[in-house]
Amino acid sequence: MKTNKKNTHTISLVKTEISFPCSTTQTVLNSMAALTRYIWYSFWVSWCGCGVCVVEVLSGKFSGLPMSRKHISGKDEANGRVLACRISPQSDLSLKVVGKLQKSVYKFNVGDKEIF
């Protein structure tokens, strides 16, 4: 399900119908922020200090910058639990939002009715 743009991959959020393009030079959170219909957090949260954007990578490859150990342990990171503000896709990704951001994502996906 790759998009036609070179070096752009599709990010899909499980338990939702949300998918969006993300460039290999962009973080997943920055691409999510473009979906203001779903994501109300500002770009300023993408400095790896708040831990709001924890996701679990279920499939696909990504490159990442160092993660804050305050929010993501080495074991978490090895198991695919990462900060969306610190990863960029290297292939299409399937993600489960598990941090504080999940309430915003899952609530708005189903017309203000929470699904978890």
Protein backbone atom coordinates (compact mmCIF):
# COMPACT_ATOMS: atom_id res chain seq x y z
CA MET A 1 0.00 0.00 0.00
CA LYS A 2 2.88 2.38 -0.72
CA THR A 3 2.01 5.82 -1.92
CA ASN A 4 3.28 6.99 -5.30
CA LYS A 5 5.74 9.50 -3.88
CA LYS A 6 9.31 8.26 -3.74
CA ASN A 7 10.57 7.70 -0.17
CA THR A 8 7.07 8.02 1.27
CA HIS A 9 5.38 5.19 3.14
CA THR A 10 1.91 4.56 4.53
CA ILE A 11 1.42 4.57 8.29
CA SER A 12 -1.68 2.69 9.48
CA LEU A 13 -3.09 2.90 13.01
CA VAL A 14 -4.66 -0.36 14.19
CA LYS A 15 -8.22 -0.30 15.55
CA THR A 16 -8.91 2.69 13.30
CA GLU A 17 -9.43 3.55 9.68
CA ILE A 18 -6.62 6.08 9.96
CA SER A 19 -3.70 5.84 7.55
CA PHE A 20 -1.47 8.61 6.31
CA PRO A 21 1.67 9.16 4.26
CA CYS A 22 5.00 9.76 5.95
CA SER A 23 8.31 10.57 4.30
CA THR A 24 11.50 8.81 5.32
CA THR A 25 12.84 12.26 6.29
CA GLN A 26 9.91 13.06 8.58
CA THR A 27 8.98 11.69 12.00
CA VAL A 28 5.78 9.73 12.38
CA LEU A 29 4.51 12.28 14.92
CA ASN A 30 5.04 15.17 12.52
CA SER A 31 2.99 13.33 9.91
CA MET A 32 0.32 12.57 12.52
CA ALA A 33 0.18 16.23 13.47
CA ALA A 34 -0.88 17.02 9.92
CA LEU A 35 -4.07 15.08 10.71
CA THR A 36 -5.46 17.79 12.94
CA ARG A 37 -8.86 16.16 12.67
CA TYR A 38 -7.50 13.39 14.90
CA ILE A 39 -4.44 14.77 16.66
CA TRP A 40 -4.72 17.87 18.80
CA TYR A 41 -1.13 17.96 20.04
CA SER A 42 1.16 20.62 18.62
CA PHE A 43 4.48 20.07 16.91
CA TRP A 44 6.25 21.27 20.03
CA VAL A 45 5.61 17.95 21.77
CA SER A 46 8.04 16.31 19.36
CA TRP A 47 11.12 17.03 21.46
CA CYS A 48 11.16 13.64 23.24
CA GLY A 49 10.47 15.06 26.67
CA CYS A 50 6.83 14.39 27.41
CA GLY A 51 6.27 10.70 26.53
CA VAL A 52 2.81 11.37 25.10
CA CYS A 53 3.46 9.76 21.71
CA VAL A 54 4.28 6.16 22.67
CA VAL A 55 3.42 3.70 19.89
CA GLU A 56 4.00 0.01 19.35
CA VAL A 57 5.32 -0.91 15.91
CA LEU A 58 3.44 -4.05 14.89
CA SER A 59 4.96 -4.37 11.43
CA GLY A 60 7.39 -2.56 9.18
CA LYS A 61 10.84 -1.07 9.44
CA PHE A 62 11.84 2.30 10.85
CA SER A 63 14.92 4.30 11.76
CA GLY A 64 15.04 6.05 15.06
CA LEU A 65 16.80 8.71 17.03
CA PRO A 66 17.76 8.05 20.67
CA MET A 67 14.72 7.58 22.92
CA SER A 68 14.24 9.17 26.33
CA ARG A 69 14.80 6.38 28.88
CA LYS A 70 12.41 8.23 31.15
CA HIS A 71 9.62 7.08 28.81
CA ILE A 72 11.01 4.13 26.81
CA SER A 73 13.25 1.47 28.33
CA GLY A 74 15.82 -0.40 26.27
CA LYS A 75 13.61 -3.49 26.53
CA ASP A 76 10.56 -1.51 25.33
CA GLU A 77 12.51 -0.20 22.37
CA ALA A 78 13.80 -3.68 21.48
CA ASN A 79 10.17 -4.90 21.50
CA GLY A 80 8.97 -2.15 19.15
CA ARG A 81 7.56 0.27 21.73
CA VAL A 82 8.92 3.66 20.72
CA LEU A 83 8.21 7.38 20.66
CA ALA A 84 6.53 8.53 17.44
CA CYS A 85 8.48 11.78 17.68
CA ARG A 86 11.74 9.84 17.31
CA ILE A 87 11.06 7.44 14.42
CA SER A 88 10.89 7.73 10.63
CA PRO A 89 9.52 4.98 8.38
CA GLN A 90 11.76 2.87 6.17
CA SER A 91 8.74 0.87 4.94
CA ASP A 92 4.99 0.93 5.47
CA LEU A 93 4.24 0.74 9.22
CA SER A 94 1.38 -0.64 11.25
CA LEU A 95 1.20 1.06 14.65
CA LYS A 96 -0.78 0.70 17.83
CA VAL A 97 -1.00 3.96 19.77
CA VAL A 98 -0.37 3.10 23.43
CA GLY A 99 0.64 6.38 25.04
CA LYS A 100 -1.50 9.26 26.24
CA LEU A 101 -2.15 10.09 22.60
CA GLN A 102 -4.40 7.03 22.24
CA LYS A 103 -7.40 8.69 23.81
CA SER A 104 -7.28 11.47 21.25
CA VAL A 105 -6.70 9.13 18.29
CA TYR A 106 -9.28 6.49 19.16
CA LYS A 107 -11.92 8.91 20.44
CA PHE A 108 -11.95 11.05 17.31
CA ASN A 109 -11.80 8.10 14.95
CA VAL A 110 -15.33 6.98 15.81
CA GLY A 111 -17.14 10.28 16.07
CA ASP A 112 -16.39 11.11 19.71
CA LYS A 113 -17.29 7.62 20.95
CA GLU A 114 -14.33 5.94 22.61
CA ILE A 115 -13.56 2.45 21.32
CA PHE A 116 -11.20 1.15 23.97
